[in-house]
Amino acid sequence: MDIHSIPFLKNNSSFEFINEGFSTDEKWCVDHTYLVRISPNGDRERLEMQANLTNAAHENDPHIPFVHEVGVHDGKTYMILDYIKGESGRVVLPKLSKDIQYRIGQQVGQTLYKMHQITAPDSYPSWDHRLISQVERLLPRFEDIATGNKRYEKVARFVMNHLHLIAGRPSCVQHHDFHPGNILIHGEQFTGLIDMEKVRYADPMNEFKKMEYFNVPISKDYSRGVFDGYHDNAPIPTSFWELHRLYAAIHIISAEVWANEIALDQQDRFKTYTDFTINQFDDFNLLIPKWYKED
């Protein structure tokens, strides 16, 4: 696609290709004002759904970019969003002091809380039905992977014994790919929550399923700040920890199936993350993970 020929961008002059991130989308920074995402095999209807949910979240918090246009040009779908200045949290966080990491985590937690206030329409399929169907599809495949591994087998039993906790849980707008690589930091401040490609309606507590996988290994202080900021620095209720522990266990099942069936080159990496998560919950005997209480 010739990005210069998109009508929306006809008055712009600076087009800078962005070679970052894990997405297969082609990304451009235009005049440091717009971010253009080009999806070679994109579905316009899906992109419009993403745009609608993203803009609803933007109304609640400007740290989430506004989507200006979704379209098709030269046979490829594209999305034009606000360009937000900053560097990846995955890169920046380890360079900052613990106090600043924690403060940025609080800011991010507050943004997630605001986004989660947007509820799904009453007609939307129930969350518990959707998740239980997913677990039922994944569990037999995980059990094949877990054979002979007593710790993995315990994860499967724990999930089945605690699925009742999701009964009646709400569906709200969720980023659904929350990790430090999807936050931006500039001048020691949180500037943006980006890459909303997987945005959807889900239980807001499910947002934190990857905390022990991708967030805590980067920064425990940041991760602690996310949880504290999300709860406005009030004591975190037991019900939150119960759901977080369950979703962390379900994520292990999903991640291990993905690594063993699709991303074969990621098996060792994901096993490290899985073992770390299991250790943090002491084989899921602990309600609150160790990292949250550590100095």
C-alpha atoms as a PDB file:
ATOM      1  CA  MET A   1       0.000   0.000   0.000  1.00  0.00           C
ATOM      2  CA  ASP A   2       1.155   3.532  -0.796  1.00  0.00           C
ATOM      3  CA  ILE A   3       0.407   5.142   2.567  1.00  0.00           C
ATOM      4  CA  HIS A   4       0.856   8.626   1.069  1.00  0.00           C
ATOM      5  CA  SER A   5      -2.247   8.125  -1.076  1.00  0.00           C
ATOM      6  CA  ILE A   6      -4.695   7.595   1.799  1.00  0.00           C
ATOM      7  CA  PRO A   7      -7.035  10.616   1.488  1.00  0.00           C
ATOM      8  CA  PHE A   8      -7.088  11.287   5.254  1.00  0.00           C
ATOM      9  CA  LEU A   9      -3.316  11.882   5.149  1.00  0.00           C
ATOM     10  CA  LYS A  10      -3.180  14.033   2.024  1.00  0.00           C
ATOM     11  CA  ASN A  11      -1.981  17.124   3.909  1.00  0.00           C
ATOM     12  CA  ASN A  12       0.714  15.346   5.912  1.00  0.00           C
ATOM     13  CA  SER A  13       4.388  15.366   4.990  1.00  0.00           C
ATOM     14  CA  SER A  14       6.425  13.181   7.379  1.00  0.00           C
ATOM     15  CA  PHE A  15       5.996   9.402   7.156  1.00  0.00           C
ATOM     16  CA  GLU A  16       8.225   7.299   9.415  1.00  0.00           C
ATOM     17  CA  PHE A  17       8.103   3.479   9.373  1.00  0.00           C
ATOM     18  CA  ILE A  18       7.993   1.902  12.856  1.00  0.00           C
ATOM     19  CA  ASN A  19       9.847  -1.380  13.187  1.00  0.00           C
ATOM     20  CA  GLU A  20       8.860  -2.337  16.735  1.00  0.00           C
ATOM     21  CA  GLY A  21       6.513  -4.701  18.535  1.00  0.00           C
ATOM     22  CA  PHE A  22       5.276  -8.214  17.887  1.00  0.00           C
ATOM     23  CA  SER A  23       2.289  -7.394  15.696  1.00  0.00           C
ATOM     24  CA  THR A  24       2.246  -8.418  12.028  1.00  0.00           C
ATOM     25  CA  ASP A  25       0.657  -5.047  11.205  1.00  0.00           C
ATOM     26  CA  GLU A  26       2.708  -2.472   9.333  1.00  0.00           C
ATOM     27  CA  LYS A  27       2.987   0.715  11.418  1.00  0.00           C
ATOM     28  CA  TRP A  28       3.785   4.306  10.463  1.00  0.00           C
ATOM     29  CA  CYS A  29       4.218   7.525  12.432  1.00  0.00           C
ATOM     30  CA  VAL A  30       2.808  10.442  10.439  1.00  0.00           C
ATOM     31  CA  ASP A  31       3.934  13.952  11.407  1.00  0.00           C
ATOM     32  CA  HIS A  32       4.194  12.714  15.022  1.00  0.00           C
ATOM     33  CA  THR A  33       0.426  13.226  15.058  1.00  0.00           C
ATOM     34  CA  TYR A  34      -1.045   9.980  13.746  1.00  0.00           C
ATOM     35  CA  LEU A  35      -0.196   6.303  14.000  1.00  0.00           C
ATOM     36  CA  VAL A  36      -1.257   4.273  10.969  1.00  0.00           C
ATOM     37  CA  ARG A  37      -1.675   0.506  11.298  1.00  0.00           C
ATOM     38  CA  ILE A  38      -1.971  -1.452   8.049  1.00  0.00           C
ATOM     39  CA  SER A  39      -3.310  -5.005   8.248  1.00  0.00           C
ATOM     40  CA  PRO A  40      -2.478  -7.084   5.149  1.00  0.00           C
ATOM     41  CA  ASN A  41      -5.207  -9.616   5.919  1.00  0.00           C
ATOM     42  CA  GLY A  42      -7.384  -7.410   8.087  1.00  0.00           C
ATOM     43  CA  ASP A  43     -11.134  -7.610   8.442  1.00  0.00           C
ATOM     44  CA  ARG A  44     -12.711  -4.161   8.241  1.00  0.00           C
ATOM     45  CA  GLU A  45     -15.649  -5.170  10.415  1.00  0.00           C
ATOM     46  CA  ARG A  46     -13.254  -6.399  13.103  1.00  0.00           C
ATOM     47  CA  LEU A  47     -11.223  -3.186  12.906  1.00  0.00           C
ATOM     48  CA  GLU A  48     -14.383  -1.100  13.228  1.00  0.00           C
ATOM     49  CA  MET A  49     -15.328  -3.049  16.345  1.00  0.00           C
ATOM     50  CA  GLN A  50     -11.844  -2.372  17.751  1.00  0.00           C
ATOM     51  CA  ALA A  51     -12.206   1.317  16.891  1.00  0.00           C
ATOM     52  CA  ASN A  52     -15.588   1.601  18.611  1.00  0.00           C
ATOM     53  CA  LEU A  53     -14.366  -0.008  21.834  1.00  0.00           C
ATOM     54  CA  THR A  54     -11.090   1.925  21.765  1.00  0.00           C
ATOM     55  CA  ASN A  55     -12.870   5.259  21.331  1.00  0.00           C
ATOM     56  CA  ALA A  56     -15.296   4.424  24.118  1.00  0.00           C
ATOM     57  CA  ALA A  57     -12.282   3.768  26.365  1.00  0.00           C
ATOM     58  CA  HIS A  58     -10.624   6.988  25.153  1.00  0.00           C
ATOM     59  CA  GLU A  59     -13.630   8.967  26.375  1.00  0.00           C
ATOM     60  CA  ASN A  60     -12.935   7.649  29.869  1.00  0.00           C
ATOM     61  CA  ASP A  61      -9.163   8.183  29.741  1.00  0.00           C
ATOM     62  CA  PRO A  62      -7.032  10.057  27.161  1.00  0.00           C
ATOM     63  CA  HIS A  63      -4.088   7.708  27.779  1.00  0.00           C
ATOM     64  CA  ILE A  64      -5.901   5.450  25.309  1.00  0.00           C
ATOM     65  CA  PRO A  65      -5.510   6.718  21.713  1.00  0.00           C
ATOM     66  CA  PHE A  66      -8.443   8.016  19.686  1.00  0.00           C
ATOM     67  CA  VAL A  67      -9.184   6.241  16.389  1.00  0.00           C
ATOM     68  CA  HIS A  68      -9.776   8.762  13.590  1.00  0.00           C
ATOM     69  CA  GLU A  69     -10.537   6.434  10.704  1.00  0.00           C
ATOM     70  CA  VAL A  70     -10.823   2.815   9.636  1.00  0.00           C
ATOM     71  CA  GLY A  71     -10.796   2.031   5.926  1.00  0.00           C
ATOM     72  CA  VAL A  72      -9.639  -0.078   3.023  1.00  0.00           C
ATOM     73  CA  HIS A  73      -7.040   1.192   0.562  1.00  0.00           C
ATOM     74  CA  ASP A  74      -5.269  -0.736  -2.197  1.00  0.00           C
ATOM     75  CA  GLY A  75      -6.960  -3.875  -0.905  1.00  0.00           C
ATOM     76  CA  LYS A  76      -5.575  -3.541   2.642  1.00  0.00           C
ATOM     77  CA  THR A  77      -7.386  -2.444   5.783  1.00  0.00           C
ATOM     78  CA  TYR A  78      -5.952   0.355   7.869  1.00  0.00           C
ATOM     79  CA  MET A  79      -6.590   2.241  11.078  1.00  0.00           C
ATOM     80  CA  ILE A  80      -5.483   5.800  11.851  1.00  0.00           C
ATOM     81  CA  LEU A  81      -5.059   6.634  15.540  1.00  0.00           C
ATOM     82  CA  ASP A  82      -3.508   9.348  17.669  1.00  0.00           C
ATOM     83  CA  TYR A  83       0.266   9.051  17.884  1.00  0.00           C
ATOM     84  CA  ILE A  84       1.337   8.984  21.540  1.00  0.00           C
ATOM     85  CA  LYS A  85       4.893   9.934  22.419  1.00  0.00           C
ATOM     86  CA  GLY A  86       6.882   7.527  24.548  1.00  0.00           C
ATOM     87  CA  GLU A  87       8.991   4.402  24.740  1.00  0.00           C
ATOM     88  CA  SER A  88       7.975   0.847  25.538  1.00  0.00           C
ATOM     89  CA  GLY A  89       7.560   0.141  29.238  1.00  0.00           C
ATOM     90  CA  ARG A  90       9.357  -3.148  28.725  1.00  0.00           C
ATOM     91  CA  VAL A  91      12.493  -1.172  27.863  1.00  0.00           C
ATOM     92  CA  VAL A  92      12.111   1.859  30.133  1.00  0.00           C
ATOM     93  CA  LEU A  93      10.799   0.458  33.427  1.00  0.00           C
ATOM     94  CA  PRO A  94      13.998  -1.406  34.459  1.00  0.00           C
ATOM     95  CA  LYS A  95      15.961   1.855  34.057  1.00  0.00           C
ATOM     96  CA  LEU A  96      13.800   3.798  36.518  1.00  0.00           C
ATOM     97  CA  SER A  97      13.916   3.951  40.304  1.00  0.00           C
ATOM     98  CA  LYS A  98      11.592   1.659  42.231  1.00  0.00           C
ATOM     99  CA  ASP A  99       9.511   4.610  43.424  1.00  0.00           C
ATOM    100  CA  ILE A 100       8.938   5.833  39.864  1.00  0.00           C
ATOM    101  CA  GLN A 101       8.162   2.309  38.647  1.00  0.00           C
ATOM    102  CA  TYR A 102       5.531   2.040  41.374  1.00  0.00           C
ATOM    103  CA  ARG A 103       4.057   5.465  40.552  1.00  0.00           C
ATOM    104  CA  ILE A 104       3.785   4.618  36.862  1.00  0.00           C
ATOM    105  CA  GLY A 105       2.106   1.344  37.810  1.00  0.00           C
ATOM    106  CA  GLN A 106      -0.466   3.285  39.810  1.00  0.00           C
ATOM    107  CA  GLN A 107      -1.183   5.521  36.818  1.00  0.00           C
ATOM    108  CA  VAL A 108      -1.633   2.490  34.573  1.00  0.00           C
ATOM    109  CA  GLY A 109      -3.910   0.787  37.109  1.00  0.00           C
ATOM    110  CA  GLN A 110      -6.126   3.886  37.235  1.00  0.00           C
ATOM    111  CA  THR A 111      -6.406   3.912  33.431  1.00  0.00           C
ATOM    112  CA  LEU A 112      -7.387   0.219  33.382  1.00  0.00           C
ATOM    113  CA  TYR A 113     -10.008   0.861  36.050  1.00  0.00           C
ATOM    114  CA  LYS A 114     -11.579   3.641  33.986  1.00  0.00           C
ATOM    115  CA  MET A 115     -11.618   1.448  30.893  1.00  0.00           C
ATOM    116  CA  HIS A 116     -13.277  -1.365  32.804  1.00  0.00           C
ATOM    117  CA  GLN A 117     -16.237   0.871  33.691  1.00  0.00           C
ATOM    118  CA  ILE A 118     -17.613   0.380  30.159  1.00  0.00           C
ATOM    119  CA  THR A 119     -19.971  -2.577  30.296  1.00  0.00           C
ATOM    120  CA  ALA A 120     -21.078  -4.896  27.511  1.00  0.00           C
ATOM    121  CA  PRO A 121     -24.615  -4.684  26.101  1.00  0.00           C
ATOM    122  CA  ASP A 122     -27.173  -6.832  27.926  1.00  0.00           C
ATOM    123  CA  SER A 123     -27.491  -8.988  24.807  1.00  0.00           C
ATOM    124  CA  TYR A 124     -23.783  -9.889  24.815  1.00  0.00           C
ATOM    125  CA  PRO A 125     -23.034 -13.586  25.559  1.00  0.00           C
ATOM    126  CA  SER A 126     -22.325 -14.236  29.230  1.00  0.00           C
ATOM    127  CA  TRP A 127     -18.714 -14.286  30.321  1.00  0.00           C
ATOM    128  CA  ASP A 128     -18.915 -17.511  32.318  1.00  0.00           C
ATOM    129  CA  HIS A 129     -20.353 -19.402  29.342  1.00  0.00           C
ATOM    130  CA  ARG A 130     -17.624 -18.113  27.022  1.00  0.00           C
ATOM    131  CA  LEU A 131     -14.769 -18.865  29.408  1.00  0.00           C
ATOM    132  CA  ILE A 132     -15.985 -22.310  30.445  1.00  0.00           C
ATOM    133  CA  SER A 133     -16.277 -23.261  26.767  1.00  0.00           C
ATOM    134  CA  GLN A 134     -12.688 -22.125  26.246  1.00  0.00           C
ATOM    135  CA  VAL A 135     -11.419 -24.067  29.262  1.00  0.00           C
ATOM    136  CA  GLU A 136     -13.249 -27.195  28.121  1.00  0.00           C
ATOM    137  CA  ARG A 137     -11.527 -26.960  24.725  1.00  0.00           C
ATOM    138  CA  LEU A 138      -8.075 -26.373  26.194  1.00  0.00           C
ATOM    139  CA  LEU A 139      -8.043 -28.634  29.240  1.00  0.00           C
ATOM    140  CA  PRO A 140      -7.707 -32.034  27.472  1.00  0.00           C
ATOM    141  CA  ARG A 141      -4.823 -30.671  25.404  1.00  0.00           C
ATOM    142  CA  PHE A 142      -3.122 -29.281  28.505  1.00  0.00           C
ATOM    143  CA  GLU A 143      -3.577 -32.578  30.320  1.00  0.00           C
ATOM    144  CA  ASP A 144      -1.596 -34.281  27.558  1.00  0.00           C
ATOM    145  CA  ILE A 145       1.207 -31.761  28.128  1.00  0.00           C
ATOM    146  CA  ALA A 146       0.963 -32.144  31.919  1.00  0.00           C
ATOM    147  CA  THR A 147       1.185 -35.942  31.995  1.00  0.00           C
ATOM    148  CA  GLY A 148       3.888 -36.905  34.482  1.00  0.00           C
ATOM    149  CA  ASN A 149       4.338 -33.315  35.689  1.00  0.00           C
ATOM    150  CA  LYS A 150       2.686 -33.215  39.105  1.00  0.00           C
ATOM    151  CA  ARG A 151       2.805 -29.407  39.320  1.00  0.00           C
ATOM    152  CA  TYR A 152       1.051 -28.996  35.968  1.00  0.00           C
ATOM    153  CA  GLU A 153      -1.501 -31.632  36.899  1.00  0.00           C
ATOM    154  CA  LYS A 154      -2.240 -29.672  40.059  1.00  0.00           C
ATOM    155  CA  VAL A 155      -2.894 -26.541  37.956  1.00  0.00           C
ATOM    156  CA  ALA A 156      -5.546 -28.424  35.981  1.00  0.00           C
ATOM    157  CA  ARG A 157      -7.227 -29.685  39.153  1.00  0.00           C
ATOM    158  CA  PHE A 158      -7.122 -26.231  40.719  1.00  0.00           C
ATOM    159  CA  VAL A 159      -8.876 -24.674  37.715  1.00  0.00           C
ATOM    160  CA  MET A 160     -11.628 -27.275  37.634  1.00  0.00           C
ATOM    161  CA  ASN A 161     -12.202 -26.924  41.387  1.00  0.00           C
ATOM    162  CA  HIS A 162     -12.494 -23.130  41.229  1.00  0.00           C
ATOM    163  CA  LEU A 163     -14.378 -22.415  37.988  1.00  0.00           C
ATOM    164  CA  HIS A 164     -17.494 -21.713  40.043  1.00  0.00           C
ATOM    165  CA  LEU A 165     -15.923 -18.341  40.951  1.00  0.00           C
ATOM    166  CA  ILE A 166     -16.683 -16.913  37.500  1.00  0.00           C
ATOM    167  CA  ALA A 167     -20.439 -17.491  37.715  1.00  0.00           C
ATOM    168  CA  GLY A 168     -22.260 -14.242  36.991  1.00  0.00           C
ATOM    169  CA  ARG A 169     -19.079 -12.229  36.421  1.00  0.00           C
ATOM    170  CA  PRO A 170     -19.598  -9.072  34.312  1.00  0.00           C
ATOM    171  CA  SER A 171     -18.266  -8.301  30.837  1.00  0.00           C
ATOM    172  CA  CYS A 172     -16.527  -4.955  30.385  1.00  0.00           C
ATOM    173  CA  VAL A 173     -14.149  -3.408  27.868  1.00  0.00           C
ATOM    174  CA  GLN A 174     -10.768  -5.055  28.357  1.00  0.00           C
ATOM    175  CA  HIS A 175      -7.412  -4.444  26.651  1.00  0.00           C
ATOM    176  CA  HIS A 176      -6.823  -8.218  26.723  1.00  0.00           C
ATOM    177  CA  ASP A 177      -3.083  -8.026  26.001  1.00  0.00           C
ATOM    178  CA  PHE A 178      -1.850  -6.134  29.031  1.00  0.00           C
ATOM    179  CA  HIS A 179       1.934  -6.174  29.492  1.00  0.00           C
ATOM    180  CA  PRO A 180       4.735  -3.544  29.751  1.00  0.00           C
ATOM    181  CA  GLY A 181       5.370  -3.650  26.004  1.00  0.00           C
ATOM    182  CA  ASN A 182       1.931  -2.095  25.508  1.00  0.00           C
ATOM    183  CA  ILE A 183       2.414   0.926  27.741  1.00  0.00           C
ATOM    184  CA  LEU A 184       4.368   4.034  26.794  1.00  0.00           C
ATOM    185  CA  ILE A 185       6.556   6.099  29.126  1.00  0.00           C
ATOM    186  CA  HIS A 186       8.003   9.552  28.469  1.00  0.00           C
ATOM    187  CA  GLY A 187       9.753  11.819  30.947  1.00  0.00           C
ATOM    188  CA  GLU A 188       9.191   9.284  33.743  1.00  0.00           C
ATOM    189  CA  GLN A 189       5.435   9.519  33.185  1.00  0.00           C
ATOM    190  CA  PHE A 190       2.933   7.032  31.806  1.00  0.00           C
ATOM    191  CA  THR A 191       1.744   8.468  28.501  1.00  0.00           C
ATOM    192  CA  GLY A 192      -0.292   5.781  26.768  1.00  0.00           C
ATOM    193  CA  LEU A 193      -1.888   2.336  26.713  1.00  0.00           C
ATOM    194  CA  ILE A 194      -1.490   1.122  23.125  1.00  0.00           C
ATOM    195  CA  ASP A 195      -1.942  -1.846  20.770  1.00  0.00           C
ATOM    196  CA  MET A 196      -5.661  -2.322  21.335  1.00  0.00           C
ATOM    197  CA  GLU A 197      -5.860  -5.011  18.654  1.00  0.00           C
ATOM    198  CA  LYS A 198      -7.286  -7.594  21.048  1.00  0.00           C
ATOM    199  CA  VAL A 199      -9.731  -5.264  22.835  1.00  0.00           C
ATOM    200  CA  ARG A 200     -12.989  -7.019  23.713  1.00  0.00           C
ATOM    201  CA  TYR A 201     -15.653  -7.516  26.365  1.00  0.00           C
ATOM    202  CA  ALA A 202     -14.512  -9.766  29.212  1.00  0.00           C
ATOM    203  CA  ASP A 203     -14.419  -9.987  32.986  1.00  0.00           C
ATOM    204  CA  PRO A 204     -12.229  -7.039  34.053  1.00  0.00           C
ATOM    205  CA  MET A 205     -10.368  -9.294  36.498  1.00  0.00           C
ATOM    206  CA  ASN A 206      -9.248 -11.373  33.527  1.00  0.00           C
ATOM    207  CA  GLU A 207      -7.187  -8.346  32.420  1.00  0.00           C
ATOM    208  CA  PHE A 208      -4.481  -9.280  34.909  1.00  0.00           C
ATOM    209  CA  LYS A 209      -4.040 -12.914  33.894  1.00  0.00           C
ATOM    210  CA  LYS A 210      -0.566 -12.214  32.438  1.00  0.00           C
ATOM    211  CA  MET A 211       0.787 -10.335  35.467  1.00  0.00           C
ATOM    212  CA  GLU A 212       3.075 -13.146  36.625  1.00  0.00           C
ATOM    213  CA  TYR A 213       4.069 -14.039  33.062  1.00  0.00           C
ATOM    214  CA  PHE A 214       5.017 -10.716  31.508  1.00  0.00           C
ATOM    215  CA  ASN A 215       4.657  -7.896  34.042  1.00  0.00           C
ATOM    216  CA  VAL A 216       6.183  -9.047  37.324  1.00  0.00           C
ATOM    217  CA  PRO A 217       9.449 -10.306  35.747  1.00  0.00           C
ATOM    218  CA  ILE A 218       9.976  -6.791  34.345  1.00  0.00           C
ATOM    219  CA  SER A 219       9.151  -4.950  37.584  1.00  0.00           C
ATOM    220  CA  LYS A 220       7.537  -6.065  40.819  1.00  0.00           C
ATOM    221  CA  ASP A 221       7.207  -2.455  41.956  1.00  0.00           C
ATOM    222  CA  TYR A 222       5.380  -1.451  38.778  1.00  0.00           C
ATOM    223  CA  SER A 223       3.112  -4.495  39.050  1.00  0.00           C
ATOM    224  CA  ARG A 224       2.320  -3.739  42.689  1.00  0.00           C
ATOM    225  CA  GLY A 225       1.508  -0.191  41.641  1.00  0.00           C
ATOM    226  CA  VAL A 226      -0.901  -1.432  38.965  1.00  0.00           C
ATOM    227  CA  PHE A 227      -2.916  -3.385  41.523  1.00  0.00           C
ATOM    228  CA  ASP A 228      -2.840  -0.606  44.124  1.00  0.00           C
ATOM    229  CA  GLY A 229      -3.750   2.096  41.606  1.00  0.00           C
ATOM    230  CA  TYR A 230      -6.565  -0.029  40.241  1.00  0.00           C
ATOM    231  CA  HIS A 231      -8.034  -0.185  43.751  1.00  0.00           C
ATOM    232  CA  ASP A 232      -7.410   3.521  44.446  1.00  0.00           C
ATOM    233  CA  ASN A 233      -4.876   2.502  47.125  1.00  0.00           C
ATOM    234  CA  ALA A 234      -7.597   0.917  49.236  1.00  0.00           C
ATOM    235  CA  PRO A 235      -7.145  -2.593  50.702  1.00  0.00           C
ATOM    236  CA  ILE A 236      -7.498  -5.176  47.943  1.00  0.00           C
ATOM    237  CA  PRO A 237     -10.467  -7.484  48.635  1.00  0.00           C
ATOM    238  CA  THR A 238     -10.173 -11.245  48.925  1.00  0.00           C
ATOM    239  CA  SER A 239     -12.548 -11.657  45.974  1.00  0.00           C
ATOM    240  CA  PHE A 240     -10.008  -9.944  43.701  1.00  0.00           C
ATOM    241  CA  TRP A 241      -7.200 -12.265  44.761  1.00  0.00           C
ATOM    242  CA  GLU A 242      -9.402 -15.327  44.331  1.00  0.00           C
ATOM    243  CA  LEU A 243     -10.215 -14.377  40.747  1.00  0.00           C
ATOM    244  CA  HIS A 244      -6.675 -13.263  39.947  1.00  0.00           C
ATOM    245  CA  ARG A 245      -5.292 -16.596  41.118  1.00  0.00           C
ATOM    246  CA  LEU A 246      -7.854 -18.489  39.029  1.00  0.00           C
ATOM    247  CA  TYR A 247      -7.200 -16.443  35.884  1.00  0.00           C
ATOM    248  CA  ALA A 248      -3.434 -16.840  36.343  1.00  0.00           C
ATOM    249  CA  ALA A 249      -3.936 -20.611  36.425  1.00  0.00           C
ATOM    250  CA  ILE A 250      -6.205 -20.591  33.362  1.00  0.00           C
ATOM    251  CA  HIS A 251      -3.611 -18.499  31.526  1.00  0.00           C
ATOM    252  CA  ILE A 252      -0.996 -21.174  32.231  1.00  0.00           C
ATOM    253  CA  ILE A 253      -3.226 -23.713  30.483  1.00  0.00           C
ATOM    254  CA  SER A 254      -3.793 -21.424  27.496  1.00  0.00           C
ATOM    255  CA  ALA A 255      -0.137 -20.374  27.213  1.00  0.00           C
ATOM    256  CA  GLU A 256       1.253 -23.898  27.463  1.00  0.00           C
ATOM    257  CA  VAL A 257      -1.151 -25.211  24.817  1.00  0.00           C
ATOM    258  CA  TRP A 258      -0.179 -22.342  22.523  1.00  0.00           C
ATOM    259  CA  ALA A 259       3.550 -22.917  23.075  1.00  0.00           C
ATOM    260  CA  ASN A 260       3.318 -26.664  22.563  1.00  0.00           C
ATOM    261  CA  GLU A 261       1.013 -26.633  19.549  1.00  0.00           C
ATOM    262  CA  ILE A 262       1.808 -23.413  17.672  1.00  0.00           C
ATOM    263  CA  ALA A 263       4.806 -21.445  18.985  1.00  0.00           C
ATOM    264  CA  LEU A 264       7.149 -24.389  19.351  1.00  0.00           C
ATOM    265  CA  ASP A 265      10.164 -22.095  19.502  1.00  0.00           C
ATOM    266  CA  GLN A 266       8.681 -20.484  22.645  1.00  0.00           C
ATOM    267  CA  GLN A 267       8.347 -23.682  24.702  1.00  0.00           C
ATOM    268  CA  ASP A 268      11.368 -23.111  26.941  1.00  0.00           C
ATOM    269  CA  ARG A 269      10.555 -19.431  27.450  1.00  0.00           C
ATOM    270  CA  PHE A 270       6.959 -20.137  28.379  1.00  0.00           C
ATOM    271  CA  LYS A 271       7.934 -22.992  30.687  1.00  0.00           C
ATOM    272  CA  THR A 272      10.107 -20.526  32.601  1.00  0.00           C
ATOM    273  CA  TYR A 273       7.138 -18.158  32.934  1.00  0.00           C
ATOM    274  CA  THR A 274       4.836 -21.012  33.939  1.00  0.00           C
ATOM    275  CA  ASP A 275       7.203 -22.256  36.638  1.00  0.00           C
ATOM    276  CA  PHE A 276       7.612 -18.688  37.923  1.00  0.00           C
ATOM    277  CA  THR A 277       3.837 -18.260  38.165  1.00  0.00           C
ATOM    278  CA  ILE A 278       3.366 -21.578  39.954  1.00  0.00           C
ATOM    279  CA  ASN A 279       6.146 -20.653  42.392  1.00  0.00           C
ATOM    280  CA  GLN A 280       4.600 -17.256  43.102  1.00  0.00           C
ATOM    281  CA  PHE A 281       1.383 -18.961  44.206  1.00  0.00           C
ATOM    282  CA  ASP A 282       3.217 -21.864  45.888  1.00  0.00           C
ATOM    283  CA  ASP A 283       1.486 -24.429  43.659  1.00  0.00           C
ATOM    284  CA  PHE A 284      -1.711 -22.370  44.021  1.00  0.00           C
ATOM    285  CA  ASN A 285      -1.831 -22.882  47.767  1.00  0.00           C
ATOM    286  CA  LEU A 286      -1.298 -19.147  48.346  1.00  0.00           C
ATOM    287  CA  LEU A 287      -4.100 -16.673  47.783  1.00  0.00           C
ATOM    288  CA  ILE A 288      -1.825 -13.639  47.345  1.00  0.00           C
ATOM    289  CA  PRO A 289       1.266 -14.157  45.171  1.00  0.00           C
ATOM    290  CA  LYS A 290       4.650 -13.769  46.850  1.00  0.00           C
ATOM    291  CA  TRP A 291       5.782 -10.876  44.650  1.00  0.00           C
ATOM    292  CA  TYR A 292       3.030  -8.560  45.866  1.00  0.00           C
ATOM    293  CA  LYS A 293       4.219  -8.743  49.478  1.00  0.00           C
ATOM    294  CA  GLU A 294       7.948  -8.610  48.788  1.00  0.00           C
ATOM    295  CA  ASP A 295       9.885  -5.414  49.530  1.00  0.00           C
END
